[in-house]
Amino acid sequence: MPNDASIAEVIMHPVRLRILQQLGGRSLTTAQLRDALPDVKQATLYRHVSTLLDAGMLTVIQERRVRGAVERTLALGEQMAHVDREGLRAMSAAQLKSAFLAFLGDLAADVDRFLDGDDEGLRDFLGFGRGPVYVDAEDLATIQNGFEALLAPYLTDRGDGKHRLSLATVLVPDPETPRQEH
């Protein structure tokens, strides 16, 4: 298994981020993944899938023969597609900036794809905002655990016709706010 810094490097690539996003909470065949990412050339897609498989970010959950070829069904692997605190600490400032810009680029591409669509009714599901929270490390852990518990029932496609949304969170400490020691 790769170390956290190499995991961060693996998921920083915009195409790999998009692959992971497509597979979040569901499994897809390679053909379905190609259909979901039509702007990515097939050879490029397969190369990035291979990188994610090698890093343990993806796993093959089924293989079947289709017209003489093997079609794989993929899902998120054992290695979480998330850079944890230790991974973030291990990254240089340049790596953090690059990872964040890749994240923003992927998010912007999602918005572009949404806006290019023709379903006006989906605008009811769009939202974004920004606001301050005042926390210490213990508060942040409580909030994150609460998010996990709150979102758990909604992270898997149950096939009941629900809309798939991309939920992104960003926490950026304000360096201008002095830390108060207690």
N, C-alpha and C. Protein backbone atom coordinates (compact mmCIF):
# COMPACT_ATOMS: atom_id res chain seq x y z
N MET A 1 0.84 -1.18 0.00
CA MET A 1 0.00 0.00 0.00
C MET A 1 0.89 1.24 0.00
N PRO A 2 0.58 2.27 -0.81
CA PRO A 2 1.41 3.44 -0.86
C PRO A 2 1.27 4.28 0.41
N ASN A 3 2.28 5.13 0.65
CA ASN A 3 2.17 6.01 1.80
C ASN A 3 1.22 7.16 1.50
N ASP A 4 0.84 7.95 2.52
CA ASP A 4 -0.15 9.01 2.36
C ASP A 4 0.26 10.03 1.32
N ALA A 5 1.55 10.39 1.26
CA ALA A 5 1.98 11.40 0.29
C ALA A 5 1.77 10.88 -1.13
N SER A 6 2.08 9.60 -1.38
CA SER A 6 1.88 9.08 -2.73
C SER A 6 0.40 8.94 -3.05
N ILE A 7 -0.42 8.66 -2.05
CA ILE A 7 -1.87 8.61 -2.25
C ILE A 7 -2.36 9.99 -2.68
N ALA A 8 -1.88 11.03 -2.01
CA ALA A 8 -2.27 12.39 -2.39
C ALA A 8 -1.88 12.67 -3.83
N GLU A 9 -0.69 12.25 -4.21
CA GLU A 9 -0.24 12.47 -5.59
C GLU A 9 -1.11 11.71 -6.58
N VAL A 10 -1.55 10.51 -6.22
CA VAL A 10 -2.39 9.71 -7.11
C VAL A 10 -3.72 10.39 -7.35
N ILE A 11 -4.36 10.90 -6.31
CA ILE A 11 -5.70 11.45 -6.48
C ILE A 11 -5.69 12.90 -6.92
N MET A 12 -4.53 13.55 -6.99
CA MET A 12 -4.49 14.95 -7.41
C MET A 12 -4.81 15.14 -8.88
N HIS A 13 -4.66 14.12 -9.69
CA HIS A 13 -4.89 14.28 -11.13
C HIS A 13 -6.38 14.48 -11.40
N PRO A 14 -6.77 15.48 -12.20
CA PRO A 14 -8.19 15.75 -12.42
C PRO A 14 -8.99 14.57 -12.99
N VAL A 15 -8.42 13.80 -13.89
CA VAL A 15 -9.15 12.65 -14.45
C VAL A 15 -9.36 11.61 -13.37
N ARG A 16 -8.35 11.36 -12.55
CA ARG A 16 -8.51 10.37 -11.48
C ARG A 16 -9.54 10.85 -10.45
N LEU A 17 -9.56 12.15 -10.16
CA LEU A 17 -10.58 12.68 -9.26
C LEU A 17 -11.97 12.43 -9.82
N ARG A 18 -12.14 12.63 -11.11
CA ARG A 18 -13.44 12.43 -11.75
C ARG A 18 -13.84 10.95 -11.72
N ILE A 19 -12.88 10.07 -11.92
CA ILE A 19 -13.17 8.63 -11.86
C ILE A 19 -13.64 8.27 -10.45
N LEU A 20 -12.92 8.73 -9.44
CA LEU A 20 -13.29 8.44 -8.06
C LEU A 20 -14.66 9.01 -7.73
N GLN A 21 -14.93 10.20 -8.23
CA GLN A 21 -16.22 10.82 -7.99
C GLN A 21 -17.35 10.01 -8.61
N GLN A 22 -17.15 9.52 -9.81
CA GLN A 22 -18.17 8.71 -10.48
C GLN A 22 -18.46 7.43 -9.70
N LEU A 23 -17.43 6.85 -9.11
CA LEU A 23 -17.59 5.58 -8.42
C LEU A 23 -18.03 5.72 -6.97
N GLY A 24 -17.99 6.92 -6.43
CA GLY A 24 -18.38 7.12 -5.04
C GLY A 24 -19.77 6.59 -4.75
N GLY A 25 -19.88 5.59 -3.88
CA GLY A 25 -21.17 5.05 -3.48
C GLY A 25 -21.83 4.10 -4.46
N ARG A 26 -21.14 3.73 -5.52
CA ARG A 26 -21.73 2.79 -6.49
C ARG A 26 -20.62 2.06 -7.22
N SER A 27 -21.02 1.05 -7.97
CA SER A 27 -20.07 0.33 -8.80
C SER A 27 -20.47 0.53 -10.25
N LEU A 28 -19.48 0.59 -11.13
CA LEU A 28 -19.70 0.81 -12.56
C LEU A 28 -18.80 -0.11 -13.35
N THR A 29 -19.32 -0.55 -14.50
CA THR A 29 -18.45 -1.27 -15.43
C THR A 29 -17.55 -0.25 -16.10
N THR A 30 -16.51 -0.75 -16.73
CA THR A 30 -15.62 0.18 -17.45
C THR A 30 -16.38 0.86 -18.58
N ALA A 31 -17.34 0.18 -19.20
CA ALA A 31 -18.14 0.79 -20.26
C ALA A 31 -19.01 1.92 -19.69
N GLN A 32 -19.59 1.71 -18.53
CA GLN A 32 -20.39 2.76 -17.90
C GLN A 32 -19.53 3.95 -17.51
N LEU A 33 -18.32 3.67 -17.06
CA LEU A 33 -17.39 4.74 -16.71
C LEU A 33 -17.02 5.54 -17.95
N ARG A 34 -16.78 4.85 -19.07
CA ARG A 34 -16.51 5.55 -20.35
C ARG A 34 -17.68 6.45 -20.73
N ASP A 35 -18.91 5.95 -20.57
CA ASP A 35 -20.10 6.74 -20.90
C ASP A 35 -20.24 7.95 -19.98
N ALA A 36 -19.87 7.79 -18.72
CA ALA A 36 -19.99 8.88 -17.75
C ALA A 36 -18.93 9.96 -17.97
N LEU A 37 -17.83 9.60 -18.62
CA LEU A 37 -16.73 10.54 -18.87
C LEU A 37 -16.40 10.57 -20.36
N PRO A 38 -17.34 11.03 -21.19
CA PRO A 38 -17.16 10.95 -22.65
C PRO A 38 -16.02 11.81 -23.19
N ASP A 39 -15.60 12.81 -22.44
CA ASP A 39 -14.53 13.68 -22.91
C ASP A 39 -13.13 13.10 -22.66
N VAL A 40 -13.06 11.98 -21.93
CA VAL A 40 -11.78 11.34 -21.63
C VAL A 40 -11.57 10.20 -22.62
N LYS A 41 -10.45 10.25 -23.34
CA LYS A 41 -10.15 9.19 -24.32
C LYS A 41 -10.05 7.85 -23.60
N GLN A 42 -10.47 6.80 -24.31
CA GLN A 42 -10.52 5.47 -23.71
C GLN A 42 -9.16 5.04 -23.17
N ALA A 43 -8.10 5.22 -23.94
CA ALA A 43 -6.76 4.80 -23.48
C ALA A 43 -6.35 5.58 -22.23
N THR A 44 -6.68 6.87 -22.19
CA THR A 44 -6.37 7.70 -21.02
C THR A 44 -7.16 7.21 -19.81
N LEU A 45 -8.43 6.93 -20.02
CA LEU A 45 -9.28 6.45 -18.93
C LEU A 45 -8.72 5.15 -18.36
N TYR A 46 -8.38 4.20 -19.23
CA TYR A 46 -7.87 2.92 -18.76
C TYR A 46 -6.53 3.07 -18.04
N ARG A 47 -5.70 3.99 -18.49
CA ARG A 47 -4.40 4.23 -17.84
C ARG A 47 -4.63 4.75 -16.41
N HIS A 48 -5.58 5.68 -16.26
CA HIS A 48 -5.85 6.23 -14.93
C HIS A 48 -6.55 5.21 -14.03
N VAL A 49 -7.44 4.40 -14.60
CA VAL A 49 -8.07 3.33 -13.83
C VAL A 49 -6.99 2.38 -13.31
N SER A 50 -6.03 2.05 -14.16
CA SER A 50 -4.95 1.16 -13.76
C SER A 50 -4.14 1.77 -12.61
N THR A 51 -3.85 3.06 -12.69
CA THR A 51 -3.11 3.74 -11.61
C THR A 51 -3.89 3.67 -10.31
N LEU A 52 -5.20 3.91 -10.38
CA LEU A 52 -6.04 3.87 -9.18
C LEU A 52 -6.16 2.45 -8.62
N LEU A 53 -6.20 1.46 -9.49
CA LEU A 53 -6.21 0.06 -9.03
C LEU A 53 -4.90 -0.28 -8.32
N ASP A 54 -3.78 0.12 -8.92
CA ASP A 54 -2.46 -0.15 -8.33
C ASP A 54 -2.31 0.50 -6.97
N ALA A 55 -2.93 1.68 -6.79
CA ALA A 55 -2.83 2.41 -5.52
C ALA A 55 -3.84 1.92 -4.48
N GLY A 56 -4.72 0.99 -4.87
CA GLY A 56 -5.72 0.49 -3.94
C GLY A 56 -6.92 1.39 -3.80
N MET A 57 -7.00 2.44 -4.63
CA MET A 57 -8.14 3.35 -4.57
C MET A 57 -9.39 2.73 -5.20
N LEU A 58 -9.17 1.85 -6.19
CA LEU A 58 -10.26 1.13 -6.84
C LEU A 58 -10.03 -0.36 -6.67
N THR A 59 -11.11 -1.09 -6.78
CA THR A 59 -11.03 -2.54 -6.76
C THR A 59 -11.96 -3.10 -7.84
N VAL A 60 -11.61 -4.24 -8.36
CA VAL A 60 -12.46 -4.94 -9.33
C VAL A 60 -13.36 -5.86 -8.54
N ILE A 61 -14.67 -5.65 -8.63
CA ILE A 61 -15.59 -6.48 -7.86
C ILE A 61 -16.23 -7.57 -8.71
N GLN A 62 -16.09 -7.46 -10.04
CA GLN A 62 -16.63 -8.51 -10.91
C GLN A 62 -15.94 -8.41 -12.27
N GLU A 63 -15.76 -9.56 -12.89
CA GLU A 63 -15.27 -9.62 -14.26
C GLU A 63 -16.17 -10.56 -15.04
N ARG A 64 -16.47 -10.17 -16.29
CA ARG A 64 -17.27 -11.06 -17.13
C ARG A 64 -16.84 -10.88 -18.58
N ARG A 65 -17.00 -11.94 -19.34
CA ARG A 65 -16.65 -11.92 -20.77
C ARG A 65 -17.76 -11.23 -21.56
N VAL A 66 -17.36 -10.26 -22.39
CA VAL A 66 -18.28 -9.58 -23.29
C VAL A 66 -17.62 -9.54 -24.66
N ARG A 67 -18.16 -10.29 -25.59
CA ARG A 67 -17.63 -10.36 -26.96
C ARG A 67 -16.11 -10.59 -26.99
N GLY A 68 -15.65 -11.53 -26.22
CA GLY A 68 -14.25 -11.91 -26.24
C GLY A 68 -13.35 -11.07 -25.34
N ALA A 69 -13.86 -9.96 -24.82
CA ALA A 69 -13.07 -9.11 -23.92
C ALA A 69 -13.58 -9.30 -22.49
N VAL A 70 -12.75 -8.93 -21.54
CA VAL A 70 -13.16 -9.00 -20.14
C VAL A 70 -13.62 -7.62 -19.71
N GLU A 71 -14.89 -7.56 -19.27
CA GLU A 71 -15.42 -6.30 -18.75
C GLU A 71 -15.35 -6.34 -17.23
N ARG A 72 -14.74 -5.32 -16.67
CA ARG A 72 -14.59 -5.25 -15.22
C ARG A 72 -15.61 -4.31 -14.63
N THR A 73 -16.11 -4.67 -13.47
CA THR A 73 -16.95 -3.78 -12.68
C THR A 73 -16.09 -3.26 -11.54
N LEU A 74 -16.05 -1.94 -11.41
CA LEU A 74 -15.16 -1.28 -10.45
C LEU A 74 -15.94 -0.64 -9.32
N ALA A 75 -15.29 -0.53 -8.18
CA ALA A 75 -15.83 0.18 -7.02
C ALA A 75 -14.65 0.81 -6.29
N LEU A 76 -14.95 1.69 -5.35
CA LEU A 76 -13.88 2.26 -4.54
C LEU A 76 -13.21 1.14 -3.77
N GLY A 77 -11.89 1.22 -3.67
CA GLY A 77 -11.12 0.18 -3.01
C GLY A 77 -10.99 0.39 -1.52
N GLU A 78 -10.20 -0.48 -0.93
CA GLU A 78 -9.96 -0.43 0.52
C GLU A 78 -9.34 0.90 0.93
N GLN A 79 -8.42 1.38 0.11
CA GLN A 79 -7.74 2.64 0.42
C GLN A 79 -8.72 3.78 0.14
N MET A 80 -9.03 4.56 1.10
CA MET A 80 -10.02 5.62 0.92
C MET A 80 -9.51 6.68 -0.05
N ALA A 81 -10.41 7.16 -0.88
CA ALA A 81 -10.09 8.21 -1.85
C ALA A 81 -10.19 9.57 -1.16
N HIS A 82 -9.46 9.71 -0.11
CA HIS A 82 -9.50 10.92 0.71
C HIS A 82 -8.14 11.07 1.36
N VAL A 83 -7.63 12.25 1.33
CA VAL A 83 -6.35 12.50 1.99
C VAL A 83 -6.65 12.88 3.43
N ASP A 84 -6.15 12.09 4.38
CA ASP A 84 -6.41 12.36 5.78
C ASP A 84 -5.45 13.43 6.31
N ARG A 85 -5.59 13.74 7.58
CA ARG A 85 -4.77 14.80 8.18
C ARG A 85 -3.28 14.53 8.04
N GLU A 86 -2.88 13.27 8.27
CA GLU A 86 -1.46 12.95 8.17
C GLU A 86 -0.97 13.15 6.73
N GLY A 87 -1.80 12.76 5.78
CA GLY A 87 -1.46 12.95 4.37
C GLY A 87 -1.33 14.41 4.02
N LEU A 88 -2.24 15.22 4.55
CA LEU A 88 -2.17 16.66 4.29
C LEU A 88 -0.92 17.27 4.93
N ARG A 89 -0.60 16.82 6.13
CA ARG A 89 0.61 17.35 6.79
C ARG A 89 1.87 16.98 6.03
N ALA A 90 1.86 15.81 5.39
CA ALA A 90 3.04 15.33 4.67
C ALA A 90 3.25 16.05 3.34
N MET A 91 2.22 16.73 2.85
CA MET A 91 2.32 17.40 1.55
C MET A 91 3.01 18.76 1.70
N SER A 92 3.78 19.10 0.71
CA SER A 92 4.40 20.42 0.68
C SER A 92 3.34 21.46 0.34
N ALA A 93 3.67 22.73 0.51
CA ALA A 93 2.73 23.80 0.16
C ALA A 93 2.38 23.72 -1.32
N ALA A 94 3.35 23.44 -2.17
CA ALA A 94 3.10 23.34 -3.61
C ALA A 94 2.16 22.17 -3.92
N GLN A 95 2.35 21.03 -3.24
CA GLN A 95 1.47 19.88 -3.44
C GLN A 95 0.04 20.19 -2.98
N LEU A 96 -0.07 20.87 -1.81
CA LEU A 96 -1.39 21.25 -1.32
C LEU A 96 -2.09 22.17 -2.31
N LYS A 97 -1.36 23.15 -2.81
CA LYS A 97 -1.95 24.08 -3.76
C LYS A 97 -2.38 23.36 -5.03
N SER A 98 -1.55 22.47 -5.51
CA SER A 98 -1.87 21.70 -6.72
C SER A 98 -3.10 20.82 -6.49
N ALA A 99 -3.15 20.14 -5.35
CA ALA A 99 -4.29 19.28 -5.03
C ALA A 99 -5.57 20.09 -4.94
N PHE A 100 -5.49 21.24 -4.30
CA PHE A 100 -6.68 22.06 -4.14
C PHE A 100 -7.14 22.63 -5.48
N LEU A 101 -6.21 23.03 -6.32
CA LEU A 101 -6.59 23.54 -7.64
C LEU A 101 -7.21 22.43 -8.49
N ALA A 102 -6.69 21.21 -8.37
CA ALA A 102 -7.30 20.08 -9.09
C ALA A 102 -8.71 19.84 -8.58
N PHE A 103 -8.90 19.92 -7.27
CA PHE A 103 -10.22 19.77 -6.66
C PHE A 103 -11.18 20.84 -7.18
N LEU A 104 -10.73 22.10 -7.19
CA LEU A 104 -11.57 23.19 -7.68
C LEU A 104 -11.88 23.04 -9.17
N GLY A 105 -10.88 22.61 -9.94
CA GLY A 105 -11.10 22.39 -11.36
C GLY A 105 -12.14 21.31 -11.61
N ASP A 106 -12.07 20.25 -10.85
CA ASP A 106 -13.04 19.17 -10.99
C ASP A 106 -14.44 19.64 -10.59
N LEU A 107 -14.51 20.43 -9.52
CA LEU A 107 -15.79 20.97 -9.08
C LEU A 107 -16.37 21.91 -10.15
N ALA A 108 -15.52 22.75 -10.73
CA ALA A 108 -15.97 23.66 -11.78
C ALA A 108 -16.45 22.88 -13.01
N ALA A 109 -15.78 21.79 -13.33
CA ALA A 109 -16.20 20.96 -14.46
C ALA A 109 -17.57 20.34 -14.20
N ASP A 110 -17.83 19.94 -12.94
CA ASP A 110 -19.15 19.42 -12.58
C ASP A 110 -20.22 20.49 -12.81
N VAL A 111 -19.94 21.72 -12.39
CA VAL A 111 -20.91 22.80 -12.57
C VAL A 111 -21.11 23.07 -14.06
N ASP A 112 -20.03 23.05 -14.83
CA ASP A 112 -20.16 23.24 -16.28
C ASP A 112 -21.05 22.18 -16.90
N ARG A 113 -20.83 20.91 -16.53
CA ARG A 113 -21.66 19.83 -17.08
C ARG A 113 -23.12 20.01 -16.68
N PHE A 114 -23.35 20.43 -15.45
CA PHE A 114 -24.71 20.69 -14.99
C PHE A 114 -25.34 21.82 -15.81
N LEU A 115 -24.63 22.92 -15.97
CA LEU A 115 -25.17 24.07 -16.69
C LEU A 115 -25.37 23.78 -18.17
N ASP A 116 -24.57 22.87 -18.73
CA ASP A 116 -24.73 22.48 -20.13
C ASP A 116 -25.94 21.58 -20.34
N GLY A 117 -26.45 20.99 -19.26
CA GLY A 117 -27.61 20.11 -19.35
C GLY A 117 -28.88 20.92 -19.60
N ASP A 118 -29.94 20.23 -19.88
CA ASP A 118 -31.17 20.94 -20.23
C ASP A 118 -32.30 20.71 -19.24
N ASP A 119 -32.01 20.18 -18.06
CA ASP A 119 -33.04 19.91 -17.07
C ASP A 119 -33.09 21.05 -16.04
N GLU A 120 -33.93 22.03 -16.31
CA GLU A 120 -34.06 23.19 -15.42
C GLU A 120 -34.51 22.79 -14.01
N GLY A 121 -35.27 21.69 -13.91
CA GLY A 121 -35.75 21.24 -12.62
C GLY A 121 -34.64 20.86 -11.65
N LEU A 122 -33.48 20.51 -12.19
CA LEU A 122 -32.37 20.14 -11.32
C LEU A 122 -31.78 21.33 -10.59
N ARG A 123 -32.13 22.54 -11.01
CA ARG A 123 -31.60 23.73 -10.30
C ARG A 123 -32.05 23.74 -8.84
N ASP A 124 -33.15 23.09 -8.54
CA ASP A 124 -33.62 23.01 -7.16
C ASP A 124 -32.63 22.25 -6.28
N PHE A 125 -31.76 21.47 -6.89
CA PHE A 125 -30.79 20.67 -6.13
C PHE A 125 -29.41 21.32 -6.05
N LEU A 126 -29.23 22.47 -6.70
CA LEU A 126 -27.95 23.16 -6.70
C LEU A 126 -27.88 24.12 -5.52
N GLY A 127 -26.75 24.18 -4.90
CA GLY A 127 -26.56 25.13 -3.81
C GLY A 127 -25.09 25.26 -3.47
N PHE A 128 -24.73 26.41 -3.03
CA PHE A 128 -23.38 26.61 -2.51
C PHE A 128 -23.41 27.82 -1.59
N GLY A 129 -22.52 27.84 -0.66
CA GLY A 129 -22.46 28.94 0.29
C GLY A 129 -21.15 28.90 1.05
N ARG A 130 -20.97 29.90 1.84
CA ARG A 130 -19.73 30.01 2.60
C ARG A 130 -20.02 30.76 3.88
N GLY A 131 -19.44 30.31 4.97
CA GLY A 131 -19.62 31.00 6.23
C GLY A 131 -18.60 30.52 7.24
N PRO A 132 -18.35 31.32 8.25
CA PRO A 132 -17.35 30.94 9.25
C PRO A 132 -17.92 29.99 10.30
N VAL A 133 -17.08 29.16 10.83
CA VAL A 133 -17.37 28.38 12.03
C VAL A 133 -16.18 28.56 12.96
N TYR A 134 -16.43 28.51 14.24
CA TYR A 134 -15.37 28.69 15.23
C TYR A 134 -15.24 27.39 16.00
N VAL A 135 -14.12 26.70 15.79
CA VAL A 135 -13.94 25.37 16.35
C VAL A 135 -12.52 25.17 16.85
N ASP A 136 -12.38 24.20 17.71
CA ASP A 136 -11.06 23.67 18.04
C ASP A 136 -11.01 22.26 17.42
N ALA A 137 -9.93 21.56 17.62
CA ALA A 137 -9.76 20.24 16.99
C ALA A 137 -10.85 19.27 17.43
N GLU A 138 -11.24 19.33 18.70
CA GLU A 138 -12.29 18.43 19.20
C GLU A 138 -13.64 18.76 18.56
N ASP A 139 -13.96 20.06 18.45
CA ASP A 139 -15.21 20.46 17.79
C ASP A 139 -15.24 19.98 16.34
N LEU A 140 -14.13 20.14 15.65
CA LEU A 140 -14.06 19.74 14.25
C LEU A 140 -14.29 18.24 14.10
N ALA A 141 -13.69 17.46 14.98
CA ALA A 141 -13.90 16.01 14.95
C ALA A 141 -15.37 15.67 15.20
N THR A 142 -16.01 16.38 16.11
CA THR A 142 -17.43 16.16 16.39
C THR A 142 -18.27 16.48 15.16
N ILE A 143 -17.97 17.60 14.51
CA ILE A 143 -18.71 17.99 13.30
C ILE A 143 -18.51 16.94 12.20
N GLN A 144 -17.27 16.53 11.99
CA GLN A 144 -16.99 15.55 10.93
C GLN A 144 -17.69 14.22 11.21
N ASN A 145 -17.66 13.77 12.45
CA ASN A 145 -18.36 12.53 12.81
C ASN A 145 -19.86 12.69 12.63
N GLY A 146 -20.38 13.86 12.97
CA GLY A 146 -21.80 14.12 12.79
C GLY A 146 -22.19 14.11 11.31
N PHE A 147 -21.34 14.70 10.45
CA PHE A 147 -21.59 14.66 9.01
C PHE A 147 -21.63 13.23 8.51
N GLU A 148 -20.65 12.43 8.95
CA GLU A 148 -20.60 11.03 8.52
C GLU A 148 -21.88 10.30 8.90
N ALA A 149 -22.34 10.49 10.13
CA ALA A 149 -23.56 9.82 10.59
C ALA A 149 -24.78 10.35 9.83
N LEU A 150 -24.84 11.65 9.62
CA LEU A 150 -25.97 12.24 8.92
C LEU A 150 -26.06 11.78 7.47
N LEU A 151 -24.90 11.70 6.80
CA LEU A 151 -24.88 11.37 5.38
C LEU A 151 -24.89 9.87 5.08
N ALA A 152 -24.56 9.04 6.04
CA ALA A 152 -24.42 7.59 5.81
C ALA A 152 -25.59 6.98 5.04
N PRO A 153 -26.85 7.29 5.36
CA PRO A 153 -27.95 6.65 4.61
C PRO A 153 -28.05 7.11 3.15
N TYR A 154 -27.35 8.16 2.78
CA TYR A 154 -27.49 8.74 1.45
C TYR A 154 -26.27 8.50 0.55
N LEU A 155 -25.32 7.72 0.99
CA LEU A 155 -24.07 7.54 0.26
C LEU A 155 -24.09 6.39 -0.74
N THR A 156 -25.13 5.61 -0.75
CA THR A 156 -25.22 4.46 -1.64
C THR A 156 -26.46 4.58 -2.52
N ASP A 157 -26.30 4.32 -3.80
CA ASP A 157 -27.43 4.32 -4.73
C ASP A 157 -28.27 3.08 -4.46
N ARG A 158 -29.47 3.30 -3.99
CA ARG A 158 -30.38 2.19 -3.67
C ARG A 158 -31.31 1.89 -4.84
N GLY A 159 -31.11 2.59 -5.96
CA GLY A 159 -31.92 2.34 -7.14
C GLY A 159 -33.35 2.82 -7.01
N ASP A 160 -33.58 3.79 -6.15
CA ASP A 160 -34.95 4.26 -5.95
C ASP A 160 -35.22 5.61 -6.62
N GLY A 161 -34.46 5.92 -7.66
CA GLY A 161 -34.74 7.12 -8.46
C GLY A 161 -34.28 8.42 -7.85
N LYS A 162 -33.44 8.39 -6.85
CA LYS A 162 -32.93 9.62 -6.25
C LYS A 162 -31.92 10.27 -7.19
N HIS A 163 -31.79 11.58 -7.09
CA HIS A 163 -30.78 12.30 -7.87
C HIS A 163 -29.42 12.14 -7.21
N ARG A 164 -28.41 11.92 -8.02
CA ARG A 164 -27.03 11.84 -7.51
C ARG A 164 -26.46 13.25 -7.49
N LEU A 165 -26.02 13.70 -6.33
CA LEU A 165 -25.42 15.02 -6.17
C LEU A 165 -23.97 14.87 -5.76
N SER A 166 -23.20 15.88 -6.03
CA SER A 166 -21.82 15.93 -5.56
C SER A 166 -21.78 16.89 -4.39
N LEU A 167 -21.40 16.41 -3.23
CA LEU A 167 -21.30 17.23 -2.03
C LEU A 167 -19.82 17.47 -1.75
N ALA A 168 -19.42 18.72 -1.79
CA ALA A 168 -18.02 19.06 -1.55
C ALA A 168 -17.93 19.91 -0.29
N THR A 169 -16.92 19.65 0.51
CA THR A 169 -16.68 20.49 1.68
C THR A 169 -15.25 20.99 1.62
N VAL A 170 -15.07 22.18 2.10
CA VAL A 170 -13.74 22.78 2.14
C VAL A 170 -13.60 23.48 3.49
N LEU A 171 -12.55 23.19 4.19
CA LEU A 171 -12.22 23.89 5.42
C LEU A 171 -10.90 24.61 5.21
N VAL A 172 -10.92 25.92 5.37
CA VAL A 172 -9.71 26.72 5.20
C VAL A 172 -9.53 27.57 6.45
N PRO A 173 -8.49 27.31 7.22
CA PRO A 173 -8.25 28.13 8.41
C PRO A 173 -7.95 29.57 8.01
N ASP A 174 -8.45 30.52 8.80
CA ASP A 174 -8.20 31.93 8.57
C ASP A 174 -6.93 32.32 9.31
N PRO A 175 -5.84 32.59 8.58
CA PRO A 175 -4.58 32.90 9.26
C PRO A 175 -4.59 34.26 9.94
N GLU A 176 -5.57 35.09 9.62
CA GLU A 176 -5.66 36.42 10.22
C GLU A 176 -6.33 36.41 11.58
N THR A 177 -7.04 35.32 11.91
CA THR A 177 -7.70 35.24 13.19
C THR A 177 -6.73 34.66 14.21
N PRO A 178 -6.41 35.46 15.24
CA PRO A 178 -5.44 34.94 16.23
C PRO A 178 -6.03 33.78 17.01
N ARG A 179 -5.17 32.80 17.29
CA ARG A 179 -5.57 31.65 18.10
C ARG A 179 -5.59 32.08 19.55
N GLN A 180 -6.65 31.73 20.23
CA GLN A 180 -6.74 32.02 21.66
C GLN A 180 -6.47 30.75 22.43
N GLU A 181 -5.49 30.77 23.24
CA GLU A 181 -5.14 29.59 24.05
C GLU A 181 -5.94 29.65 25.34
N HIS A 182 -6.43 28.50 25.73
CA HIS A 182 -7.21 28.42 26.99
C HIS A 182 -6.45 27.67 28.01
